[in-house]
Amino acid sequence: MLPIYVRRSVGGAMPPASSGSRHLSRLWWLLLILAAGLALLFAFPARGATVSGEVAIPVSDGGYQPAIDNWKPAKVRIEGTSREANVVATTKYTGTFTLVDVPSGPVTLIYEETPC
């Protein structure tokens, strides 16, 4: 739209006489910018945390202690999700893991042994 002084000189429509209505367009621009900012804020999903840890396999009451190997790695997963990570053996009975994009809040980690 042409500025007011140009519209007056070429015989175009005059702006409304009310001074409050002149500021209405500025208000709409501010609302548009605010809406665009909110849209950008919620457009990208929040990334979760990265959780790293160590798994140490204890000896059971029956004297059984399963080994961790890297040929068929055991897994650590987050209960209720499909997120899982391999356990990388550091010794015969210990290993490390790193889970990415872990949802915020309390989570339960589940150790899954390698099936024989």
C-alpha atoms as a PDB file:
ATOM      1  CA  MET A   1       0.000   0.000   0.000  1.00  0.00           C
ATOM      2  CA  LEU A   2       1.238   3.503  -0.780  1.00  0.00           C
ATOM      3  CA  PRO A   3       2.188   5.885   2.022  1.00  0.00           C
ATOM      4  CA  ILE A   4      -0.462   8.445   3.108  1.00  0.00           C
ATOM      5  CA  TYR A   5       1.240  11.479   1.518  1.00  0.00           C
ATOM      6  CA  VAL A   6       1.393   9.710  -1.870  1.00  0.00           C
ATOM      7  CA  ARG A   7      -2.248   8.623  -1.725  1.00  0.00           C
ATOM      8  CA  ARG A   8      -3.345  12.202  -0.996  1.00  0.00           C
ATOM      9  CA  SER A   9      -1.415  13.593  -3.940  1.00  0.00           C
ATOM     10  CA  VAL A  10      -2.797  11.083  -6.449  1.00  0.00           C
ATOM     11  CA  GLY A  11      -6.390  11.252  -5.203  1.00  0.00           C
ATOM     12  CA  GLY A  12      -6.462   7.882  -3.485  1.00  0.00           C
ATOM     13  CA  ALA A  13      -8.476   6.869  -0.458  1.00  0.00           C
ATOM     14  CA  MET A  14      -7.885   8.959   2.625  1.00  0.00           C
ATOM     15  CA  PRO A  15      -6.971   7.325   5.902  1.00  0.00           C
ATOM     16  CA  PRO A  16      -9.588   7.157   8.679  1.00  0.00           C
ATOM     17  CA  ALA A  17      -9.898  10.293  10.780  1.00  0.00           C
ATOM     18  CA  SER A  18      -9.468   8.501  14.121  1.00  0.00           C
ATOM     19  CA  SER A  19      -5.938   8.637  15.528  1.00  0.00           C
ATOM     20  CA  GLY A  20      -6.442   5.265  17.257  1.00  0.00           C
ATOM     21  CA  SER A  21      -7.076   3.492  13.980  1.00  0.00           C
ATOM     22  CA  ARG A  22      -3.710   4.579  12.593  1.00  0.00           C
ATOM     23  CA  HIS A  23      -1.983   2.525  15.288  1.00  0.00           C
ATOM     24  CA  LEU A  24      -4.061  -0.534  14.600  1.00  0.00           C
ATOM     25  CA  SER A  25      -1.780  -1.616  11.769  1.00  0.00           C
ATOM     26  CA  ARG A  26       1.257  -1.392  14.060  1.00  0.00           C
ATOM     27  CA  LEU A  27      -0.556  -3.547  16.586  1.00  0.00           C
ATOM     28  CA  TRP A  28      -1.249  -6.156  13.919  1.00  0.00           C
ATOM     29  CA  TRP A  29       2.424  -6.173  12.904  1.00  0.00           C
ATOM     30  CA  LEU A  30       3.430  -6.733  16.526  1.00  0.00           C
ATOM     31  CA  LEU A  31       0.917  -9.568  16.826  1.00  0.00           C
ATOM     32  CA  LEU A  32       2.195 -11.096  13.599  1.00  0.00           C
ATOM     33  CA  ILE A  33       5.805 -10.945  14.808  1.00  0.00           C
ATOM     34  CA  LEU A  34       4.789 -12.454  18.155  1.00  0.00           C
ATOM     35  CA  ALA A  35       2.906 -15.271  16.408  1.00  0.00           C
ATOM     36  CA  ALA A  36       5.880 -15.973  14.143  1.00  0.00           C
ATOM     37  CA  GLY A  37       8.192 -16.098  17.157  1.00  0.00           C
ATOM     38  CA  LEU A  38       5.911 -18.535  18.952  1.00  0.00           C
ATOM     39  CA  ALA A  39       5.643 -20.676  15.835  1.00  0.00           C
ATOM     40  CA  LEU A  40       9.431 -20.891  15.612  1.00  0.00           C
ATOM     41  CA  LEU A  41       9.679 -21.715  19.299  1.00  0.00           C
ATOM     42  CA  PHE A  42       7.368 -24.696  18.960  1.00  0.00           C
ATOM     43  CA  ALA A  43       8.320 -25.731  15.416  1.00  0.00           C
ATOM     44  CA  PHE A  44      11.349 -27.764  16.423  1.00  0.00           C
ATOM     45  CA  PRO A  45      10.911 -30.648  18.854  1.00  0.00           C
ATOM     46  CA  ALA A  46      12.940 -30.341  21.999  1.00  0.00           C
ATOM     47  CA  ARG A  47      15.948 -32.563  22.066  1.00  0.00           C
ATOM     48  CA  GLY A  48      16.407 -34.681  25.120  1.00  0.00           C
ATOM     49  CA  ALA A  49      19.450 -35.279  27.216  1.00  0.00           C
ATOM     50  CA  THR A  50      22.342 -37.662  26.632  1.00  0.00           C
ATOM     51  CA  VAL A  51      22.755 -40.310  29.315  1.00  0.00           C
ATOM     52  CA  SER A  52      25.937 -42.346  29.667  1.00  0.00           C
ATOM     53  CA  GLY A  53      26.703 -44.987  32.214  1.00  0.00           C
ATOM     54  CA  GLU A  54      28.416 -48.192  33.125  1.00  0.00           C
ATOM     55  CA  VAL A  55      26.896 -51.628  33.557  1.00  0.00           C
ATOM     56  CA  ALA A  56      28.517 -53.951  36.106  1.00  0.00           C
ATOM     57  CA  ILE A  57      27.177 -57.517  36.186  1.00  0.00           C
ATOM     58  CA  PRO A  58      27.136 -58.853  39.756  1.00  0.00           C
ATOM     59  CA  VAL A  59      27.472 -62.501  40.733  1.00  0.00           C
ATOM     60  CA  SER A  60      24.040 -64.005  41.386  1.00  0.00           C
ATOM     61  CA  ASP A  61      23.148 -65.946  44.514  1.00  0.00           C
ATOM     62  CA  GLY A  62      23.633 -69.148  42.525  1.00  0.00           C
ATOM     63  CA  GLY A  63      27.176 -68.133  41.508  1.00  0.00           C
ATOM     64  CA  TYR A  64      26.210 -67.198  37.920  1.00  0.00           C
ATOM     65  CA  GLN A  65      27.737 -64.107  36.302  1.00  0.00           C
ATOM     66  CA  PRO A  66      26.968 -63.562  32.596  1.00  0.00           C
ATOM     67  CA  ALA A  67      29.760 -62.060  30.550  1.00  0.00           C
ATOM     68  CA  ILE A  68      29.439 -59.041  28.241  1.00  0.00           C
ATOM     69  CA  ASP A  69      31.011 -59.345  24.811  1.00  0.00           C
ATOM     70  CA  ASN A  70      31.096 -57.116  21.763  1.00  0.00           C
ATOM     71  CA  TRP A  71      30.187 -59.853  19.237  1.00  0.00           C
ATOM     72  CA  LYS A  72      26.562 -59.982  20.381  1.00  0.00           C
ATOM     73  CA  PRO A  73      26.271 -56.837  22.490  1.00  0.00           C
ATOM     74  CA  ALA A  74      23.782 -56.542  25.292  1.00  0.00           C
ATOM     75  CA  LYS A  75      21.479 -53.533  25.202  1.00  0.00           C
ATOM     76  CA  VAL A  76      20.252 -50.837  27.566  1.00  0.00           C
ATOM     77  CA  ARG A  77      16.881 -49.375  26.691  1.00  0.00           C
ATOM     78  CA  ILE A  78      14.490 -46.808  28.095  1.00  0.00           C
ATOM     79  CA  GLU A  79      11.345 -48.435  29.409  1.00  0.00           C
ATOM     80  CA  GLY A  80       8.273 -47.520  27.362  1.00  0.00           C
ATOM     81  CA  THR A  81      10.243 -46.304  24.327  1.00  0.00           C
ATOM     82  CA  SER A  82      12.165 -47.842  21.449  1.00  0.00           C
ATOM     83  CA  ARG A  83      15.373 -45.984  22.340  1.00  0.00           C
ATOM     84  CA  GLU A  84      18.210 -48.360  23.065  1.00  0.00           C
ATOM     85  CA  ALA A  85      21.990 -48.487  22.992  1.00  0.00           C
ATOM     86  CA  ASN A  86      24.554 -51.261  22.784  1.00  0.00           C
ATOM     87  CA  VAL A  87      26.623 -52.015  25.860  1.00  0.00           C
ATOM     88  CA  VAL A  88      30.294 -51.879  24.861  1.00  0.00           C
ATOM     89  CA  ALA A  89      32.355 -54.292  26.938  1.00  0.00           C
ATOM     90  CA  THR A  90      35.228 -52.726  28.899  1.00  0.00           C
ATOM     91  CA  THR A  91      36.021 -55.890  30.869  1.00  0.00           C
ATOM     92  CA  LYS A  92      34.437 -59.332  30.908  1.00  0.00           C
ATOM     93  CA  TYR A  93      31.715 -58.234  33.356  1.00  0.00           C
ATOM     94  CA  THR A  94      31.446 -54.461  32.809  1.00  0.00           C
ATOM     95  CA  GLY A  95      30.473 -52.267  29.897  1.00  0.00           C
ATOM     96  CA  THR A  96      29.519 -48.718  28.994  1.00  0.00           C
ATOM     97  CA  PHE A  97      26.582 -47.247  27.087  1.00  0.00           C
ATOM     98  CA  THR A  98      25.379 -43.877  25.789  1.00  0.00           C
ATOM     99  CA  LEU A  99      21.719 -43.071  25.130  1.00  0.00           C
ATOM    100  CA  VAL A 100      20.821 -39.911  23.202  1.00  0.00           C
ATOM    101  CA  ASP A 101      17.556 -37.938  23.095  1.00  0.00           C
ATOM    102  CA  VAL A 102      16.423 -39.259  26.461  1.00  0.00           C
ATOM    103  CA  PRO A 103      13.092 -37.657  27.370  1.00  0.00           C
ATOM    104  CA  SER A 104      13.044 -35.292  30.324  1.00  0.00           C
ATOM    105  CA  GLY A 105      11.754 -36.484  33.660  1.00  0.00           C
ATOM    106  CA  PRO A 106      12.288 -39.754  35.469  1.00  0.00           C
ATOM    107  CA  VAL A 107      13.066 -42.734  33.241  1.00  0.00           C
ATOM    108  CA  THR A 108      13.723 -46.409  33.918  1.00  0.00           C
ATOM    109  CA  LEU A 109      16.677 -48.049  32.162  1.00  0.00           C
ATOM    110  CA  ILE A 110      16.416 -51.749  31.412  1.00  0.00           C
ATOM    111  CA  TYR A 111      19.409 -54.018  30.786  1.00  0.00           C
ATOM    112  CA  GLU A 112      18.709 -56.701  28.185  1.00  0.00           C
ATOM    113  CA  GLU A 113      21.088 -59.638  28.114  1.00  0.00           C
ATOM    114  CA  THR A 114      22.181 -61.120  24.818  1.00  0.00           C
ATOM    115  CA  PRO A 115      20.200 -64.281  24.114  1.00  0.00           C
ATOM    116  CA  CYS A 116      22.363 -67.399  23.945  1.00  0.00           C
END
